[in-house]
Amino acid sequence: MNSDNIFRQINFEGLKVSVTKDVPTTTKSSSSISSKKTIVEADTTDPTSSAKSTNHLSTQKQLIVLAKKFALEGALVSPDKQTPIEDRALKRERLAHLRKQQNIESIVKRTITYCSDTDIADRVDQDWFDNFVTLAEGISNKTMQDLWAKILAHEISQAGSFSHKTLIAFKTMGMQEAKLLAKVCSLSVKDNSKKNIRIISGVYQKPNLINFFDKKRHQKLNLGDFGLNYTELLALAESNLIFIQETESNLLAKNEQLHFSFNGAGLTLVAKKANCILSFYKLTPIGTELASMISDVADDKYLQSLKQLLNYHFSIQT
């Protein structure tokens, strides 16, 4: 637990595993062991020390660490040392409540750092806040807690930024989906309203008798070269963050301009030819809302490749 955590740490009863092996003996004794067996016993070890080394434990020991953390180790303890199951159920319920309280207090504490002490904002809907608490109190991962804190801070400063559907979608997201969304944002362009976020994936010119055999008429950007392959796009679509079907812009007239923002920097495309069309992946409304809490960190390699791809059809101003 971080040193700046002001909340009481939950203490759990520890467990240890002792494994005894067959040992050849020449005398009979009550302490002799004739078979190999595993016994899980009560112990007073500090659980925080065990938690720090779980990355290097066997799967059996990792299960035991999880079981004791969530007060589910009762059946693993030898029968003569088991407490009544009613007591174990009450203990698990009590620890679950304490864990949820600690989680949501940690999120609120993190949120303070993202809030202004001078800006005035509209009052947050209490029903929205109640839904937020219900969904966020089960989050113990520190990185995810920080993302929930950013959502709360953003909603307080601009009420209505995140719908209940978005909160539910975010609740089902794991670290992998969150990282993929951050990757999407590093490749995306926004229009002036910031309500349409897109990843430009290709460009082509409507075929005619003059350009039909032009090999550069239709060009495609391989997003997999920038950490976003089709499997990852599917995962984002399953999380309702992007539309998996590529969409296209309108036919663009010669010299027609498109104005975008690429991670905070202006990006203007001017069509060199008539009937040019951009293809792109578009974020869903849920993906767009969640993208608003991700800082601008541009993928410069992607931007350079995008400029090279578009250069045949567009002049580019940054």
Protein backbone atom coordinates (compact mmCIF):
# COMPACT_ATOMS: atom_id res chain seq x y z
CA MET A 1 0.00 0.00 0.00
CA ASN A 2 1.31 3.47 -0.87
CA SER A 3 2.87 5.43 1.97
CA ASP A 4 0.50 8.34 1.43
CA ASN A 5 -2.57 6.22 1.99
CA ILE A 6 -4.34 7.74 4.98
CA PHE A 7 -6.90 5.01 5.30
CA ARG A 8 -6.67 2.04 7.66
CA GLN A 9 -5.11 -1.00 6.05
CA ILE A 10 -7.24 -4.14 6.13
CA ASN A 11 -5.47 -6.99 7.90
CA PHE A 12 -6.16 -10.56 6.92
CA GLU A 13 -5.23 -13.81 8.60
CA GLY A 14 -2.28 -15.33 6.78
CA LEU A 15 -1.86 -18.84 5.60
CA LYS A 16 1.16 -21.04 5.02
CA VAL A 17 1.55 -24.27 3.15
CA SER A 18 3.66 -27.05 4.62
CA VAL A 19 4.44 -30.03 2.42
CA THR A 20 5.70 -33.23 3.99
CA LYS A 21 7.28 -35.95 1.90
CA ASP A 22 7.75 -39.68 2.38
CA VAL A 23 10.75 -40.26 4.56
CA PRO A 24 12.17 -43.78 4.98
CA THR A 25 12.13 -44.84 8.64
CA THR A 26 13.29 -47.92 10.54
CA THR A 27 11.15 -47.35 13.60
CA LYS A 28 7.43 -46.85 14.02
CA SER A 29 6.33 -43.66 15.64
CA SER A 30 3.24 -41.50 15.86
CA SER A 31 5.15 -38.72 14.13
CA SER A 32 6.04 -40.89 11.13
CA ILE A 33 4.53 -39.90 7.81
CA SER A 34 3.55 -42.66 5.41
CA SER A 35 2.13 -40.57 2.59
CA LYS A 36 2.68 -37.23 0.94
CA LYS A 37 0.06 -34.61 1.80
CA THR A 38 -0.52 -30.84 1.78
CA ILE A 39 -1.90 -29.04 4.80
CA VAL A 40 -2.98 -25.40 4.86
CA GLU A 41 -2.65 -23.98 8.35
CA ALA A 42 -3.46 -20.73 10.06
CA ASP A 43 -0.51 -18.36 10.31
CA THR A 44 0.21 -14.84 11.51
CA THR A 45 2.41 -13.76 8.60
CA ASP A 46 2.03 -10.20 7.37
CA PRO A 47 -0.10 -10.48 4.21
CA THR A 48 1.49 -7.41 2.65
CA SER A 49 4.82 -9.22 2.44
CA SER A 50 3.13 -12.13 0.65
CA ALA A 51 1.34 -9.79 -1.75
CA LYS A 52 4.63 -8.24 -2.81
CA SER A 53 5.97 -11.60 -4.00
CA THR A 54 2.86 -13.07 -5.67
CA ASN A 55 4.47 -12.66 -9.08
CA HIS A 56 6.94 -15.39 -8.14
CA LEU A 57 4.57 -17.86 -6.47
CA SER A 58 3.24 -21.12 -7.81
CA THR A 59 -0.36 -21.15 -9.02
CA GLN A 60 -1.41 -23.01 -5.86
CA LYS A 61 0.16 -20.42 -3.59
CA GLN A 62 -1.29 -17.57 -5.66
CA LEU A 63 -4.74 -19.09 -5.18
CA ILE A 64 -4.15 -19.25 -1.43
CA VAL A 65 -3.09 -15.58 -1.34
CA LEU A 66 -6.25 -14.57 -3.21
CA ALA A 67 -8.43 -16.79 -1.02
CA LYS A 68 -7.16 -15.28 2.22
CA LYS A 69 -7.41 -11.74 0.82
CA PHE A 70 -11.10 -12.28 0.06
CA ALA A 71 -11.75 -14.37 3.20
CA LEU A 72 -12.41 -17.57 1.25
CA GLU A 73 -9.72 -19.75 2.79
CA GLY A 74 -11.99 -21.51 5.29
CA ALA A 75 -12.18 -24.86 3.51
CA LEU A 76 -8.40 -24.89 3.01
CA VAL A 77 -7.68 -24.85 6.72
CA SER A 78 -7.54 -28.16 8.59
CA PRO A 79 -11.02 -29.01 10.04
CA ASP A 80 -9.92 -28.71 13.66
CA LYS A 81 -8.88 -25.09 13.07
CA GLN A 82 -11.86 -23.95 11.01
CA THR A 83 -14.18 -21.28 12.41
CA PRO A 84 -17.95 -21.74 11.92
CA ILE A 85 -19.04 -21.08 8.34
CA GLU A 86 -21.48 -18.40 9.53
CA ASP A 87 -18.57 -16.48 11.05
CA ARG A 88 -16.55 -16.87 7.87
CA ALA A 89 -19.44 -15.53 5.77
CA LEU A 90 -19.80 -12.49 8.03
CA LYS A 91 -16.05 -11.89 7.88
CA ARG A 92 -16.07 -11.99 4.06
CA GLU A 93 -18.99 -9.57 3.92
CA ARG A 94 -17.30 -7.19 6.35
CA LEU A 95 -14.00 -7.24 4.44
CA ALA A 96 -15.83 -6.71 1.13
CA HIS A 97 -17.49 -3.57 2.54
CA LEU A 98 -14.19 -2.31 3.92
CA ARG A 99 -12.45 -2.97 0.59
CA LYS A 100 -15.15 -1.08 -1.35
CA GLN A 101 -15.00 1.84 1.08
CA GLN A 102 -11.24 1.99 0.80
CA ASN A 103 -11.41 1.86 -3.02
CA ILE A 104 -13.92 4.68 -3.43
CA GLU A 105 -12.16 6.87 -0.85
CA SER A 106 -8.91 6.34 -2.73
CA ILE A 107 -10.61 7.41 -5.99
CA VAL A 108 -12.08 10.52 -4.34
CA LYS A 109 -8.66 11.39 -2.95
CA ARG A 110 -7.12 11.06 -6.41
CA THR A 111 -9.93 13.14 -7.93
CA ILE A 112 -9.07 16.15 -5.75
CA THR A 113 -5.74 16.50 -7.57
CA TYR A 114 -7.59 16.93 -10.89
CA CYS A 115 -10.12 19.49 -9.61
CA SER A 116 -9.71 23.26 -9.54
CA ASP A 117 -10.21 25.21 -6.33
CA THR A 118 -11.19 28.34 -8.27
CA ASP A 119 -13.31 27.32 -11.29
CA ILE A 120 -17.09 27.41 -10.78
CA ALA A 121 -19.15 24.61 -12.37
CA ASP A 122 -22.74 23.40 -12.48
CA ARG A 123 -23.81 21.03 -9.70
CA VAL A 124 -23.27 17.34 -10.47
CA ASP A 125 -26.42 15.22 -10.59
CA GLN A 126 -26.55 13.22 -7.34
CA ASP A 127 -28.09 10.21 -9.10
CA TRP A 128 -25.14 10.21 -11.51
CA PHE A 129 -22.72 10.36 -8.57
CA ASP A 130 -24.53 7.50 -6.81
CA ASN A 131 -24.22 5.37 -9.97
CA PHE A 132 -20.55 6.32 -10.21
CA VAL A 133 -19.87 5.19 -6.63
CA THR A 134 -21.68 1.88 -7.17
CA LEU A 135 -19.61 1.12 -10.27
CA ALA A 136 -16.24 2.44 -9.08
CA GLU A 137 -16.12 1.00 -5.55
CA GLY A 138 -15.03 -2.40 -6.84
CA ILE A 139 -11.91 -1.01 -8.55
CA SER A 140 -8.70 -1.67 -6.63
CA ASN A 141 -6.12 -1.39 -9.43
CA LYS A 142 -4.31 1.93 -8.88
CA THR A 143 -4.02 2.78 -12.57
CA MET A 144 -7.71 2.14 -13.17
CA GLN A 145 -8.57 4.12 -10.02
CA ASP A 146 -6.73 7.07 -11.53
CA LEU A 147 -8.83 6.81 -14.71
CA TRP A 148 -12.04 6.70 -12.66
CA ALA A 149 -10.80 9.78 -10.79
CA LYS A 150 -10.30 11.61 -14.10
CA ILE A 151 -13.85 10.72 -15.14
CA LEU A 152 -15.25 12.11 -11.88
CA ALA A 153 -13.17 15.28 -12.10
CA HIS A 154 -14.22 15.84 -15.70
CA GLU A 155 -17.90 15.32 -14.85
CA ILE A 156 -17.68 17.77 -11.95
CA SER A 157 -16.12 20.44 -14.18
CA GLN A 158 -18.49 19.75 -17.11
CA ALA A 159 -21.67 18.04 -15.96
CA GLY A 160 -23.12 15.67 -18.54
CA SER A 161 -19.76 14.67 -20.04
CA PHE A 162 -20.19 10.97 -19.25
CA SER A 163 -23.44 9.07 -19.63
CA HIS A 164 -24.44 6.14 -17.44
CA LYS A 165 -23.92 3.85 -20.45
CA THR A 166 -20.35 5.07 -20.71
CA LEU A 167 -19.71 4.34 -17.02
CA ILE A 168 -21.06 0.80 -17.44
CA ALA A 169 -18.88 0.26 -20.52
CA PHE A 170 -15.82 1.56 -18.67
CA LYS A 171 -16.58 -0.75 -15.73
CA THR A 172 -16.24 -3.76 -18.05
CA MET A 173 -12.96 -2.51 -19.49
CA GLY A 174 -9.68 -3.96 -18.34
CA MET A 175 -6.18 -2.54 -18.51
CA GLN A 176 -5.68 -3.97 -22.00
CA GLU A 177 -8.71 -2.16 -23.43
CA ALA A 178 -7.68 1.05 -21.66
CA LYS A 179 -4.22 0.85 -23.23
CA LEU A 180 -5.74 0.20 -26.65
CA LEU A 181 -8.00 3.24 -26.27
CA ALA A 182 -4.95 5.35 -25.40
CA LYS A 183 -3.25 4.01 -28.53
CA VAL A 184 -6.33 4.93 -30.60
CA CYS A 185 -6.19 8.48 -29.23
CA SER A 186 -2.51 8.81 -30.18
CA LEU A 187 -3.46 8.06 -33.81
CA SER A 188 -6.72 10.00 -34.03
CA VAL A 189 -7.80 13.29 -35.52
CA LYS A 190 -10.68 15.40 -34.20
CA ASP A 191 -12.89 17.91 -35.95
CA ASN A 192 -13.43 21.37 -34.50
CA SER A 193 -16.39 20.23 -32.41
CA LYS A 194 -14.28 17.39 -30.92
CA LYS A 195 -17.38 15.19 -31.17
CA ASN A 196 -16.06 13.21 -34.13
CA ILE A 197 -12.83 11.31 -33.48
CA ARG A 198 -11.40 9.26 -36.33
CA ILE A 199 -8.34 7.23 -37.29
CA ILE A 200 -7.50 7.95 -40.94
CA SER A 201 -6.70 4.59 -42.55
CA GLY A 202 -6.60 5.31 -46.26
CA VAL A 203 -7.38 7.55 -49.20
CA TYR A 204 -8.51 7.07 -52.79
CA GLN A 205 -9.77 8.99 -55.78
CA LYS A 206 -13.01 8.04 -57.49
CA PRO A 207 -12.04 6.11 -60.63
CA ASN A 208 -12.41 7.63 -64.10
CA LEU A 209 -10.92 7.07 -67.54
CA ILE A 210 -7.85 9.13 -66.71
CA ASN A 211 -6.83 7.64 -63.34
CA PHE A 212 -8.17 4.10 -63.67
CA PHE A 213 -4.69 2.56 -64.08
CA ASP A 214 -2.97 4.88 -61.64
CA LYS A 215 -1.35 2.65 -59.00
CA LYS A 216 -1.39 5.48 -56.46
CA ARG A 217 -5.11 6.15 -56.89
CA HIS A 218 -5.99 3.96 -53.87
CA GLN A 219 -3.64 3.86 -50.88
CA LYS A 220 -4.01 2.17 -47.50
CA LEU A 221 -2.21 2.63 -44.18
CA ASN A 222 -1.39 -0.51 -42.18
CA LEU A 223 -2.43 0.40 -38.63
CA GLY A 224 -0.77 -2.77 -37.34
CA ASP A 225 2.58 -1.03 -37.89
CA PHE A 226 1.56 1.39 -35.14
CA GLY A 227 0.30 -1.08 -32.52
CA LEU A 228 -3.29 -1.38 -33.71
CA ASN A 229 -3.86 -4.55 -35.73
CA TYR A 230 -7.24 -5.88 -36.81
CA THR A 231 -7.56 -8.17 -33.78
CA GLU A 232 -7.12 -5.18 -31.50
CA LEU A 233 -9.64 -3.19 -33.52
CA LEU A 234 -12.11 -6.06 -33.01
CA ALA A 235 -11.46 -5.97 -29.25
CA LEU A 236 -12.20 -2.23 -29.23
CA ALA A 237 -15.38 -2.81 -31.23
CA GLU A 238 -16.52 -5.51 -28.81
CA SER A 239 -16.07 -2.98 -25.99
CA ASN A 240 -18.26 -0.55 -27.99
CA LEU A 241 -15.41 1.95 -28.33
CA ILE A 242 -15.09 2.07 -32.14
CA PHE A 243 -17.16 1.10 -35.16
CA ILE A 244 -15.45 -1.85 -36.81
CA GLN A 245 -16.79 -0.95 -40.25
CA GLU A 246 -14.66 1.67 -41.97
CA THR A 247 -16.50 4.79 -43.07
CA GLU A 248 -15.69 7.35 -45.73
CA SER A 249 -15.74 11.09 -46.12
CA ASN A 250 -17.82 12.86 -48.75
CA LEU A 251 -16.39 13.36 -52.22
CA LEU A 252 -13.99 16.27 -51.93
CA ALA A 253 -13.68 18.89 -54.63
CA LYS A 254 -10.30 20.13 -55.79
CA ASN A 255 -8.84 22.64 -53.27
CA GLU A 256 -11.50 21.74 -50.69
CA GLN A 257 -10.11 21.93 -47.17
CA LEU A 258 -10.55 19.69 -44.14
CA HIS A 259 -9.55 21.04 -40.73
CA PHE A 260 -8.56 18.62 -37.97
CA SER A 261 -6.76 18.59 -34.66
CA PHE A 262 -4.12 15.90 -34.21
CA ASN A 263 -3.43 15.51 -30.48
CA GLY A 264 -3.74 19.23 -29.87
CA ALA A 265 -1.93 20.40 -33.03
CA GLY A 266 -3.71 21.77 -36.09
CA LEU A 267 -3.81 19.63 -39.24
CA THR A 268 -5.30 20.97 -42.49
CA LEU A 269 -5.74 18.85 -45.64
CA VAL A 270 -6.24 20.55 -49.01
CA ALA A 271 -7.36 18.29 -51.88
CA LYS A 272 -5.01 18.43 -54.87
CA LYS A 273 -7.45 16.53 -57.07
CA ALA A 274 -11.20 16.32 -57.48
CA ASN A 275 -13.28 13.44 -56.07
CA CYS A 276 -10.84 12.39 -53.32
CA ILE A 277 -12.21 10.32 -50.42
CA LEU A 278 -10.73 9.59 -46.99
CA SER A 279 -11.42 6.29 -45.24
CA PHE A 280 -11.27 6.02 -41.47
CA TYR A 281 -12.34 4.19 -38.33
CA LYS A 282 -14.66 6.23 -36.16
CA LEU A 283 -15.04 6.17 -32.38
CA THR A 284 -18.48 5.45 -30.95
CA PRO A 285 -20.18 8.01 -28.67
CA ILE A 286 -18.95 5.97 -25.68
CA GLY A 287 -15.41 5.86 -27.08
CA THR A 288 -15.55 9.61 -27.75
CA GLU A 289 -16.61 10.36 -24.16
CA LEU A 290 -13.86 8.20 -22.69
CA ALA A 291 -11.26 9.63 -25.08
CA SER A 292 -11.82 13.07 -23.55
CA MET A 293 -9.98 12.02 -20.37
CA ILE A 294 -6.85 10.82 -22.21
CA SER A 295 -4.01 13.31 -22.55
CA ASP A 296 -2.71 14.31 -25.98
CA VAL A 297 0.31 12.12 -26.75
CA ALA A 298 0.82 12.02 -30.51
CA ASP A 299 2.37 9.08 -32.35
CA ASP A 300 4.88 10.99 -34.49
CA LYS A 301 5.77 7.90 -36.53
CA TYR A 302 2.13 7.53 -37.54
CA LEU A 303 1.86 11.23 -38.42
CA GLN A 304 4.87 11.04 -40.73
CA SER A 305 3.51 7.92 -42.43
CA LEU A 306 0.09 9.58 -42.76
CA LYS A 307 1.64 12.61 -44.44
CA GLN A 308 3.46 10.38 -46.91
CA LEU A 309 0.28 8.44 -47.63
CA LEU A 310 -1.87 11.55 -48.21
CA ASN A 311 0.74 13.60 -50.06
CA TYR A 312 -0.29 12.32 -53.51
CA HIS A 313 -3.90 13.48 -53.05
CA PHE A 314 -3.58 16.32 -50.52
CA SER A 315 -1.31 19.15 -49.56
CA ILE A 316 -0.83 19.08 -45.79
CA GLN A 317 -0.51 22.01 -43.45
CA THR A 318 0.48 21.55 -39.78
